Amino acid sequence: MQLTNNEQELLSSYQNWLKKYNLSSYCNAYFIFKTSMLVFQVWNLQKIISETIWLKNDNEKWQFYIKNLGEKFSKYFSLEEILKIEKDFVLKTFKEKQNL
């Protein structure tokens, strides 16, 4: 399964947002086509703070799994909602450091 054009644009805008605020050295977001997984990673120095994996199912919905909590949730989101959740987490984590 692949990202739709709209989803690709949204992910690209999120990646550009990370670059704009110099957060690329602390955050990463990428899509793995083979497994239909969207991965968001946030780290501080060399320690991972969060790794969130979003799985795209046949209904074009996204289900998430937070790796560091070891729990799986059965709630579905649009990519717009996912990016807002991830952006809010990054802002909360790096607000003081980056003066955003």
PDB file of N, CA and C in Angstrom:
ATOM      1  N   MET A   1       0.843  -1.174   0.000  1.00  0.00           N
ATOM      2  CA  MET A   1       0.000   0.000   0.000  1.00  0.00           C
ATOM      3  C   MET A   1       0.893   1.245   0.000  1.00  0.00           C
ATOM      4  N   GLN A   2       0.478   2.240  -0.708  1.00  0.00           N
ATOM      5  CA  GLN A   2       1.257   3.461  -0.815  1.00  0.00           C
ATOM      6  C   GLN A   2       0.489   4.631  -0.213  1.00  0.00           C
ATOM      7  N   LEU A   3       1.212   5.720  -0.035  1.00  0.00           N
ATOM      8  CA  LEU A   3       0.563   6.957   0.386  1.00  0.00           C
ATOM      9  C   LEU A   3      -0.141   7.570  -0.816  1.00  0.00           C
ATOM     10  N   THR A   4      -1.273   8.177  -0.569  1.00  0.00           N
ATOM     11  CA  THR A   4      -1.937   8.919  -1.636  1.00  0.00           C
ATOM     12  C   THR A   4      -1.122  10.184  -1.907  1.00  0.00           C
ATOM     13  N   ASN A   5      -1.415  10.859  -2.996  1.00  0.00           N
ATOM     14  CA  ASN A   5      -0.710  12.112  -3.301  1.00  0.00           C
ATOM     15  C   ASN A   5      -0.895  13.123  -2.177  1.00  0.00           C
ATOM     16  N   ASN A   6      -2.111  13.212  -1.660  1.00  0.00           N
ATOM     17  CA  ASN A   6      -2.389  14.136  -0.570  1.00  0.00           C
ATOM     18  C   ASN A   6      -1.582  13.768   0.682  1.00  0.00           C
ATOM     19  N   GLU A   7      -1.522  12.477   0.988  1.00  0.00           N
ATOM     20  CA  GLU A   7      -0.749  12.023   2.149  1.00  0.00           C
ATOM     21  C   GLU A   7       0.742  12.298   1.960  1.00  0.00           C
ATOM     22  N   GLN A   8       1.242  12.098   0.751  1.00  0.00           N
ATOM     23  CA  GLN A   8       2.652  12.391   0.463  1.00  0.00           C
ATOM     24  C   GLN A   8       2.951  13.870   0.673  1.00  0.00           C
ATOM     25  N   GLU A   9       2.056  14.720   0.224  1.00  0.00           N
ATOM     26  CA  GLU A   9       2.226  16.162   0.411  1.00  0.00           C
ATOM     27  C   GLU A   9       2.208  16.529   1.893  1.00  0.00           C
ATOM     28  N   LEU A  10       1.288  15.926   2.643  1.00  0.00           N
ATOM     29  CA  LEU A  10       1.210  16.199   4.080  1.00  0.00           C
ATOM     30  C   LEU A  10       2.477  15.760   4.805  1.00  0.00           C
ATOM     31  N   LEU A  11       2.969  14.572   4.499  1.00  0.00           N
ATOM     32  CA  LEU A  11       4.186  14.082   5.135  1.00  0.00           C
ATOM     33  C   LEU A  11       5.374  14.964   4.758  1.00  0.00           C
ATOM     34  N   SER A  12       5.455  15.348   3.517  1.00  0.00           N
ATOM     35  CA  SER A  12       6.527  16.227   3.064  1.00  0.00           C
ATOM     36  C   SER A  12       6.480  17.577   3.777  1.00  0.00           C
ATOM     37  N   SER A  13       5.283  18.118   3.976  1.00  0.00           N
ATOM     38  CA  SER A  13       5.166  19.409   4.668  1.00  0.00           C
ATOM     39  C   SER A  13       5.594  19.268   6.131  1.00  0.00           C
ATOM     40  N   TYR A  14       5.303  18.120   6.746  1.00  0.00           N
ATOM     41  CA  TYR A  14       5.752  17.875   8.122  1.00  0.00           C
ATOM     42  C   TYR A  14       7.275  17.786   8.176  1.00  0.00           C
ATOM     43  N   GLN A  15       7.868  17.056   7.233  1.00  0.00           N
ATOM     44  CA  GLN A  15       9.332  16.938   7.186  1.00  0.00           C
ATOM     45  C   GLN A  15       9.975  18.313   6.965  1.00  0.00           C
ATOM     46  N   ASN A  16       9.376  19.127   6.108  1.00  0.00           N
ATOM     47  CA  ASN A  16       9.887  20.486   5.888  1.00  0.00           C
ATOM     48  C   ASN A  16       9.748  21.342   7.138  1.00  0.00           C
ATOM     49  N   TRP A  17       8.672  21.152   7.882  1.00  0.00           N
ATOM     50  CA  TRP A  17       8.473  21.877   9.145  1.00  0.00           C
ATOM     51  C   TRP A  17       9.587  21.528  10.125  1.00  0.00           C
ATOM     52  N   LEU A  18       9.937  20.240  10.212  1.00  0.00           N
ATOM     53  CA  LEU A  18      11.046  19.826  11.087  1.00  0.00           C
ATOM     54  C   LEU A  18      12.343  20.523  10.686  1.00  0.00           C
ATOM     55  N   LYS A  19      12.596  20.582   9.388  1.00  0.00           N
ATOM     56  CA  LYS A  19      13.817  21.238   8.897  1.00  0.00           C
ATOM     57  C   LYS A  19      13.796  22.739   9.201  1.00  0.00           C
ATOM     58  N   LYS A  20      12.658  23.367   8.965  1.00  0.00           N
ATOM     59  CA  LYS A  20      12.526  24.813   9.172  1.00  0.00           C
ATOM     60  C   LYS A  20      12.878  25.207  10.600  1.00  0.00           C
ATOM     61  N   TYR A  21      12.478  24.398  11.575  1.00  0.00           N
ATOM     62  CA  TYR A  21      12.728  24.715  12.976  1.00  0.00           C
ATOM     63  C   TYR A  21      13.931  23.959  13.557  1.00  0.00           C
ATOM     64  N   ASN A  22      14.790  23.494  12.637  1.00  0.00           N
ATOM     65  CA  ASN A  22      16.029  22.813  13.035  1.00  0.00           C
ATOM     66  C   ASN A  22      15.785  21.652  13.993  1.00  0.00           C
ATOM     67  N   LEU A  23      14.743  20.895  13.741  1.00  0.00           N
ATOM     68  CA  LEU A  23      14.401  19.751  14.577  1.00  0.00           C
ATOM     69  C   LEU A  23      14.750  18.418  13.912  1.00  0.00           C
ATOM     70  N   SER A  24      15.303  18.478  12.711  1.00  0.00           N
ATOM     71  CA  SER A  24      15.640  17.251  11.990  1.00  0.00           C
ATOM     72  C   SER A  24      16.696  16.421  12.703  1.00  0.00           C
ATOM     73  N   SER A  25      17.503  17.053  13.512  1.00  0.00           N
ATOM     74  CA  SER A  25      18.517  16.284  14.234  1.00  0.00           C
ATOM     75  C   SER A  25      17.933  15.626  15.483  1.00  0.00           C
ATOM     76  N   TYR A  26      16.675  15.912  15.787  1.00  0.00           N
ATOM     77  CA  TYR A  26      15.990  15.320  16.944  1.00  0.00           C
ATOM     78  C   TYR A  26      14.776  14.476  16.547  1.00  0.00           C
ATOM     79  N   CYS A  27      14.338  14.616  15.315  1.00  0.00           N
ATOM     80  CA  CYS A  27      13.092  13.981  14.889  1.00  0.00           C
ATOM     81  C   CYS A  27      13.239  13.409  13.479  1.00  0.00           C
ATOM     82  N   ASN A  28      12.475  12.372  13.217  1.00  0.00           N
ATOM     83  CA  ASN A  28      12.489  11.751  11.915  1.00  0.00           C
ATOM     84  C   ASN A  28      11.083  11.246  11.610  1.00  0.00           C
ATOM     85  N   ALA A  29      10.701  11.320  10.358  1.00  0.00           N
ATOM     86  CA  ALA A  29       9.414  10.788   9.925  1.00  0.00           C
ATOM     87  C   ALA A  29       9.595  10.205   8.531  1.00  0.00           C
ATOM     88  N   TYR A  30       9.165   8.966   8.371  1.00  0.00           N
ATOM     89  CA  TYR A  30       9.298   8.333   7.062  1.00  0.00           C
ATOM     90  C   TYR A  30       8.256   7.235   6.904  1.00  0.00           C
ATOM     91  N   PHE A  31       7.992   6.905   5.638  1.00  0.00           N
ATOM     92  CA  PHE A  31       7.008   5.872   5.316  1.00  0.00           C
ATOM     93  C   PHE A  31       7.745   4.683   4.721  1.00  0.00           C
ATOM     94  N   ILE A  32       7.412   3.466   5.190  1.00  0.00           N
ATOM     95  CA  ILE A  32       7.990   2.239   4.658  1.00  0.00           C
ATOM     96  C   ILE A  32       6.921   1.591   3.777  1.00  0.00           C
ATOM     97  N   PHE A  33       7.114   1.673   2.472  1.00  0.00           N
ATOM     98  CA  PHE A  33       6.101   1.202   1.530  1.00  0.00           C
ATOM     99  C   PHE A  33       5.834  -0.296   1.647  1.00  0.00           C
ATOM    100  N   LYS A  34       6.886  -1.073   1.829  1.00  0.00           N
ATOM    101  CA  LYS A  34       6.755  -2.530   1.856  1.00  0.00           C
ATOM    102  C   LYS A  34       5.802  -3.004   2.955  1.00  0.00           C
ATOM    103  N   THR A  35       5.825  -2.328   4.087  1.00  0.00           N
ATOM    104  CA  THR A  35       4.989  -2.739   5.223  1.00  0.00           C
ATOM    105  C   THR A  35       3.856  -1.754   5.517  1.00  0.00           C
ATOM    106  N   SER A  36       3.735  -0.703   4.727  1.00  0.00           N
ATOM    107  CA  SER A  36       2.716   0.331   4.922  1.00  0.00           C
ATOM    108  C   SER A  36       2.785   0.935   6.318  1.00  0.00           C
ATOM    109  N   MET A  37       3.999   1.209   6.768  1.00  0.00           N
ATOM    110  CA  MET A  37       4.211   1.776   8.107  1.00  0.00           C
ATOM    111  C   MET A  37       4.739   3.206   7.999  1.00  0.00           C
ATOM    112  N   LEU A  38       4.130   4.076   8.769  1.00  0.00           N
ATOM    113  CA  LEU A  38       4.594   5.443   8.913  1.00  0.00           C
ATOM    114  C   LEU A  38       5.265   5.524  10.277  1.00  0.00           C
ATOM    115  N   VAL A  39       6.534   5.911  10.305  1.00  0.00           N
ATOM    116  CA  VAL A  39       7.317   5.885  11.538  1.00  0.00           C
ATOM    117  C   VAL A  39       7.732   7.305  11.913  1.00  0.00           C
ATOM    118  N   PHE A  40       7.464   7.645  13.167  1.00  0.00           N
ATOM    119  CA  PHE A  40       7.896   8.925  13.724  1.00  0.00           C
ATOM    120  C   PHE A  40       8.822   8.622  14.892  1.00  0.00           C
ATOM    121  N   GLN A  41      10.007   9.217  14.861  1.00  0.00           N
ATOM    122  CA  GLN A  41      10.965   9.022  15.943  1.00  0.00           C
ATOM    123  C   GLN A  41      11.364  10.379  16.502  1.00  0.00           C
ATOM    124  N   VAL A  42      11.483  10.432  17.815  1.00  0.00           N
ATOM    125  CA  VAL A  42      11.936  11.637  18.511  1.00  0.00           C
ATOM    126  C   VAL A  42      13.000  11.187  19.502  1.00  0.00           C
ATOM    127  N   TRP A  43      14.136  11.870  19.486  1.00  0.00           N
ATOM    128  CA  TRP A  43      15.200  11.518  20.405  1.00  0.00           C
ATOM    129  C   TRP A  43      15.877  12.762  20.952  1.00  0.00           C
ATOM    130  N   ASN A  44      16.548  12.593  22.046  1.00  0.00           N
ATOM    131  CA  ASN A  44      17.305  13.664  22.685  1.00  0.00           C
ATOM    132  C   ASN A  44      18.710  13.127  22.880  1.00  0.00           C
ATOM    133  N   LEU A  45      19.685  13.774  22.322  1.00  0.00           N
ATOM    134  CA  LEU A  45      21.056  13.278  22.260  1.00  0.00           C
ATOM    135  C   LEU A  45      21.022  11.915  21.580  1.00  0.00           C
ATOM    136  N   GLN A  46      21.380  10.857  22.259  1.00  0.00           N
ATOM    137  CA  GLN A  46      21.364   9.555  21.596  1.00  0.00           C
ATOM    138  C   GLN A  46      20.336   8.606  22.195  1.00  0.00           C
ATOM    139  N   LYS A  47      19.367   9.139  22.906  1.00  0.00           N
ATOM    140  CA  LYS A  47      18.340   8.324  23.530  1.00  0.00           C
ATOM    141  C   LYS A  47      17.000   8.578  22.848  1.00  0.00           C
ATOM    142  N   ILE A  48      16.354   7.504  22.405  1.00  0.00           N
ATOM    143  CA  ILE A  48      15.034   7.648  21.781  1.00  0.00           C
ATOM    144  C   ILE A  48      14.016   7.965  22.858  1.00  0.00           C
ATOM    145  N   ILE A  49      13.259   9.039  22.640  1.00  0.00           N
ATOM    146  CA  ILE A  49      12.196   9.443  23.553  1.00  0.00           C
ATOM    147  C   ILE A  49      10.898   8.747  23.148  1.00  0.00           C
ATOM    148  N   SER A  50      10.656   8.711  21.854  1.00  0.00           N
ATOM    149  CA  SER A  50       9.415   8.130  21.366  1.00  0.00           C
ATOM    150  C   SER A  50       9.615   7.580  19.963  1.00  0.00           C
ATOM    151  N   GLU A  51       9.004   6.451  19.718  1.00  0.00           N
ATOM    152  CA  GLU A  51       8.932   5.906  18.369  1.00  0.00           C
ATOM    153  C   GLU A  51       7.503   5.449  18.171  1.00  0.00           C
ATOM    154  N   THR A  52       6.808   6.157  17.315  1.00  0.00           N
ATOM    155  CA  THR A  52       5.414   5.861  17.043  1.00  0.00           C
ATOM    156  C   THR A  52       5.317   5.252  15.657  1.00  0.00           C
ATOM    157  N   ILE A  53       4.649   4.135  15.572  1.00  0.00           N
ATOM    158  CA  ILE A  53       4.470   3.455  14.299  1.00  0.00           C
ATOM    159  C   ILE A  53       2.989   3.487  13.955  1.00  0.00           C
ATOM    160  N   TRP A  54       2.689   3.974  12.753  1.00  0.00           N
ATOM    161  CA  TRP A  54       1.317   4.045  12.281  1.00  0.00           C
ATOM    162  C   TRP A  54       1.181   3.051  11.130  1.00  0.00           C
ATOM    163  N   LEU A  55       0.230   2.149  11.228  1.00  0.00           N
ATOM    164  CA  LEU A  55       0.009   1.126  10.214  1.00  0.00           C
ATOM    165  C   LEU A  55      -1.216   1.485   9.384  1.00  0.00           C
ATOM    166  N   LYS A  56      -1.046   1.445   8.076  1.00  0.00           N
ATOM    167  CA  LYS A  56      -2.164   1.758   7.192  1.00  0.00           C
ATOM    168  C   LYS A  56      -2.866   0.451   6.834  1.00  0.00           C
ATOM    169  N   ASN A  57      -4.171   0.423   7.049  1.00  0.00           N
ATOM    170  CA  ASN A  57      -4.901  -0.804   6.757  1.00  0.00           C
ATOM    171  C   ASN A  57      -5.607  -0.709   5.402  1.00  0.00           C
ATOM    172  N   ASP A  58      -6.340  -1.737   5.048  1.00  0.00           N
ATOM    173  CA  ASP A  58      -7.011  -1.799   3.750  1.00  0.00           C
ATOM    174  C   ASP A  58      -8.064  -0.724   3.562  1.00  0.00           C
ATOM    175  N   ASN A  59      -8.586  -0.202   4.650  1.00  0.00           N
ATOM    176  CA  ASN A  59      -9.615   0.838   4.566  1.00  0.00           C
ATOM    177  C   ASN A  59      -9.025   2.233   4.459  1.00  0.00           C
ATOM    178  N   GLU A  60      -7.705   2.311   4.231  1.00  0.00           N
ATOM    179  CA  GLU A  60      -7.009   3.597   4.128  1.00  0.00           C
ATOM    180  C   GLU A  60      -7.033   4.378   5.431  1.00  0.00           C
ATOM    181  N   LYS A  61      -7.259   3.685   6.540  1.00  0.00           N
ATOM    182  CA  LYS A  61      -7.199   4.304   7.861  1.00  0.00           C
ATOM    183  C   LYS A  61      -5.859   3.970   8.488  1.00  0.00           C
ATOM    184  N   TRP A  62      -5.506   4.724   9.512  1.00  0.00           N
ATOM    185  CA  TRP A  62      -4.223   4.530  10.183  1.00  0.00           C
ATOM    186  C   TRP A  62      -4.455   4.074  11.618  1.00  0.00           C
ATOM    187  N   GLN A  63      -3.736   3.053  12.023  1.00  0.00           N
ATOM    188  CA  GLN A  63      -3.785   2.558  13.392  1.00  0.00           C
ATOM    189  C   GLN A  63      -2.387   2.739  13.970  1.00  0.00           C
ATOM    190  N   PHE A  64      -2.307   3.156  15.239  1.00  0.00           N
ATOM    191  CA  PHE A  64      -0.975   3.431  15.763  1.00  0.00           C
ATOM    192  C   PHE A  64      -0.534   2.491  16.860  1.00  0.00           C
ATOM    193  N   TYR A  65       0.781   2.419  16.992  1.00  0.00           N
ATOM    194  CA  TYR A  65       1.432   1.598  17.999  1.00  0.00           C
ATOM    195  C   TYR A  65       2.595   2.416  18.545  1.00  0.00           C
ATOM    196  N   ILE A  66       2.610   2.683  19.822  1.00  0.00           N
ATOM    197  CA  ILE A  66       3.699   3.445  20.429  1.00  0.00           C
ATOM    198  C   ILE A  66       4.701   2.439  20.975  1.00  0.00           C
ATOM    199  N   LYS A  67       5.828   2.370  20.337  1.00  0.00           N
ATOM    200  CA  LYS A  67       6.796   1.322  20.644  1.00  0.00           C
ATOM    201  C   LYS A  67       7.318   1.406  22.069  1.00  0.00           C
ATOM    202  N   ASN A  68       7.642   2.609  22.523  1.00  0.00           N
ATOM    203  CA  ASN A  68       8.257   2.701  23.847  1.00  0.00           C
ATOM    204  C   ASN A  68       7.278   2.423  24.990  1.00  0.00           C
ATOM    205  N   LEU A  69       5.991   2.438  24.721  1.00  0.00           N
ATOM    206  CA  LEU A  69       5.010   2.094  25.754  1.00  0.00           C
ATOM    207  C   LEU A  69       4.621   0.623  25.689  1.00  0.00           C
ATOM    208  N   GLY A  70       4.927   0.000  24.565  1.00  0.00           N
ATOM    209  CA  GLY A  70       4.623  -1.406  24.416  1.00  0.00           C
ATOM    210  C   GLY A  70       3.142  -1.728  24.387  1.00  0.00           C
ATOM    211  N   GLU A  71       2.329  -0.765  23.998  1.00  0.00           N
ATOM    212  CA  GLU A  71       0.888  -0.983  23.950  1.00  0.00           C
ATOM    213  C   GLU A  71       0.373  -0.705  22.547  1.00  0.00           C
ATOM    214  N   LYS A  72      -0.624  -1.436  22.175  1.00  0.00           N
ATOM    215  CA  LYS A  72      -1.256  -1.207  20.891  1.00  0.00           C
ATOM    216  C   LYS A  72      -2.668  -0.693  21.135  1.00  0.00           C
ATOM    217  N   PHE A  73      -3.035   0.322  20.417  1.00  0.00           N
ATOM    218  CA  PHE A  73      -4.353   0.924  20.558  1.00  0.00           C
ATOM    219  C   PHE A  73      -5.153   0.675  19.290  1.00  0.00           C
ATOM    220  N   SER A  74      -6.415   0.458  19.429  1.00  0.00           N
ATOM    221  CA  SER A  74      -7.279   0.226  18.273  1.00  0.00           C
ATOM    222  C   SER A  74      -8.096   1.469  17.964  1.00  0.00           C
ATOM    223  N   LYS A  75      -7.425   2.505  17.641  1.00  0.00           N
ATOM    224  CA  LYS A  75      -8.095   3.742  17.272  1.00  0.00           C
ATOM    225  C   LYS A  75      -7.552   4.167  15.918  1.00  0.00           C
ATOM    226  N   TYR A  76      -8.404   4.698  15.080  1.00  0.00           N
ATOM    227  CA  TYR A  76      -8.005   5.047  13.727  1.00  0.00           C
ATOM    228  C   TYR A  76      -7.988   6.560  13.535  1.00  0.00           C
ATOM    229  N   PHE A  77      -7.067   7.005  12.663  1.00  0.00           N
ATOM    230  CA  PHE A  77      -6.842   8.431  12.443  1.00  0.00           C
ATOM    231  C   PHE A  77      -6.623   8.708  10.963  1.00  0.00           C
ATOM    232  N   SER A  78      -6.880   9.943  10.566  1.00  0.00           N
ATOM    233  CA  SER A  78      -6.471  10.403   9.237  1.00  0.00           C
ATOM    234  C   SER A  78      -5.026  10.876   9.351  1.00  0.00           C
ATOM    235  N   LEU A  79      -4.356  11.028   8.229  1.00  0.00           N
ATOM    236  CA  LEU A  79      -2.968  11.492   8.276  1.00  0.00           C
ATOM    237  C   LEU A  79      -2.883  12.912   8.830  1.00  0.00           C
ATOM    238  N   GLU A  80      -3.867  13.741   8.557  1.00  0.00           N
ATOM    239  CA  GLU A  80      -3.873  15.092   9.108  1.00  0.00           C
ATOM    240  C   GLU A  80      -3.861  15.056  10.636  1.00  0.00           C
ATOM    241  N   GLU A  81      -4.661  14.152  11.209  1.00  0.00           N
ATOM    242  CA  GLU A  81      -4.705  14.010  12.670  1.00  0.00           C
ATOM    243  C   GLU A  81      -3.375  13.482  13.208  1.00  0.00           C
ATOM    244  N   ILE A  82      -2.787  12.534  12.486  1.00  0.00           N
ATOM    245  CA  ILE A  82      -1.496  11.969  12.901  1.00  0.00           C
ATOM    246  C   ILE A  82      -0.434  13.058  12.957  1.00  0.00           C
ATOM    247  N   LEU A  83      -0.353  13.859  11.905  1.00  0.00           N
ATOM    248  CA  LEU A  83       0.674  14.899  11.854  1.00  0.00           C
ATOM    249  C   LEU A  83       0.467  15.937  12.942  1.00  0.00           C
ATOM    250  N   LYS A  84      -0.771  16.250  13.270  1.00  0.00           N
ATOM    251  CA  LYS A  84      -1.031  17.188  14.359  1.00  0.00           C
ATOM    252  C   LYS A  84      -0.565  16.597  15.687  1.00  0.00           C
ATOM    253  N   ILE A  85      -0.862  15.320  15.927  1.00  0.00           N
ATOM    254  CA  ILE A  85      -0.431  14.651  17.157  1.00  0.00           C
ATOM    255  C   ILE A  85       1.091  14.657  17.256  1.00  0.00           C
ATOM    256  N   GLU A  86       1.762  14.308  16.162  1.00  0.00           N
ATOM    257  CA  GLU A  86       3.226  14.251  16.166  1.00  0.00           C
ATOM    258  C   GLU A  86       3.826  15.651  16.342  1.00  0.00           C
ATOM    259  N   LYS A  87       3.253  16.637  15.653  1.00  0.00           N
ATOM    260  CA  LYS A  87       3.764  18.008  15.759  1.00  0.00           C
ATOM    261  C   LYS A  87       3.589  18.529  17.185  1.00  0.00           C
ATOM    262  N   ASP A  88       2.435  18.262  17.785  1.00  0.00           N
ATOM    263  CA  ASP A  88       2.200  18.699  19.166  1.00  0.00           C
ATOM    264  C   ASP A  88       3.201  18.068  20.126  1.00  0.00           C
ATOM    265  N   PHE A  89       3.521  16.793  19.912  1.00  0.00           N
ATOM    266  CA  PHE A  89       4.494  16.115  20.763  1.00  0.00           C
ATOM    267  C   PHE A  89       5.883  16.739  20.610  1.00  0.00           C
ATOM    268  N   VAL A  90       6.283  17.013  19.365  1.00  0.00           N
ATOM    269  CA  VAL A  90       7.592  17.627  19.117  1.00  0.00           C
ATOM    270  C   VAL A  90       7.649  19.014  19.736  1.00  0.00           C
ATOM    271  N   LEU A  91       6.591  19.798  19.557  1.00  0.00           N
ATOM    272  CA  LEU A  91       6.566  21.140  20.136  1.00  0.00           C
ATOM    273  C   LEU A  91       6.682  21.085  21.651  1.00  0.00           C
ATOM    274  N   LYS A  92       5.954  20.177  22.269  1.00  0.00           N
ATOM    275  CA  LYS A  92       5.997  20.033  23.721  1.00  0.00           C
ATOM    276  C   LYS A  92       7.404  19.621  24.178  1.00  0.00           C
ATOM    277  N   THR A  93       8.029  18.727  23.431  1.00  0.00           N
ATOM    278  CA  THR A  93       9.334  18.196  23.813  1.00  0.00           C
ATOM    279  C   THR A  93      10.452  19.222  23.637  1.00  0.00           C
ATOM    280  N   PHE A  94      10.391  20.016  22.557  1.00  0.00           N
ATOM    281  CA  PHE A  94      11.501  20.898  22.224  1.00  0.00           C
ATOM    282  C   PHE A  94      11.176  22.378  22.302  1.00  0.00           C
ATOM    283  N   LYS A  95      10.056  22.721  22.880  1.00  0.00           N
ATOM    284  CA  LYS A  95       9.618  24.123  22.922  1.00  0.00           C
ATOM    285  C   LYS A  95      10.670  25.027  23.534  1.00  0.00           C
ATOM    286  N   GLU A  96      11.188  24.666  24.694  1.00  0.00           N
ATOM    287  CA  GLU A  96      12.185  25.512  25.357  1.00  0.00           C
ATOM    288  C   GLU A  96      13.478  25.570  24.566  1.00  0.00           C
ATOM    289  N   LYS A  97      13.889  24.448  24.032  1.00  0.00           N
ATOM    290  CA  LYS A  97      15.159  24.371  23.319  1.00  0.00           C
ATOM    291  C   LYS A  97      15.155  25.215  22.047  1.00  0.00           C
ATOM    292  N   GLN A  98      14.050  25.160  21.297  1.00  0.00           N
ATOM    293  CA  GLN A  98      13.995  25.813  19.998  1.00  0.00           C
ATOM    294  C   GLN A  98      13.301  27.169  20.040  1.00  0.00           C
ATOM    295  N   ASN A  99      12.696  27.509  21.156  1.00  0.00           N
ATOM    296  CA  ASN A  99      11.970  28.775  21.279  1.00  0.00           C
ATOM    297  C   ASN A  99      10.917  28.913  20.164  1.00  0.00           C
ATOM    298  N   LEU A 100      10.099  27.889  20.018  1.00  0.00           N
ATOM    299  CA  LEU A 100       9.083  27.860  18.941  1.00  0.00           C
ATOM    300  C   LEU A 100       7.859  28.664  19.323  1.00  0.00           C
TER     301      LEU A 100
END
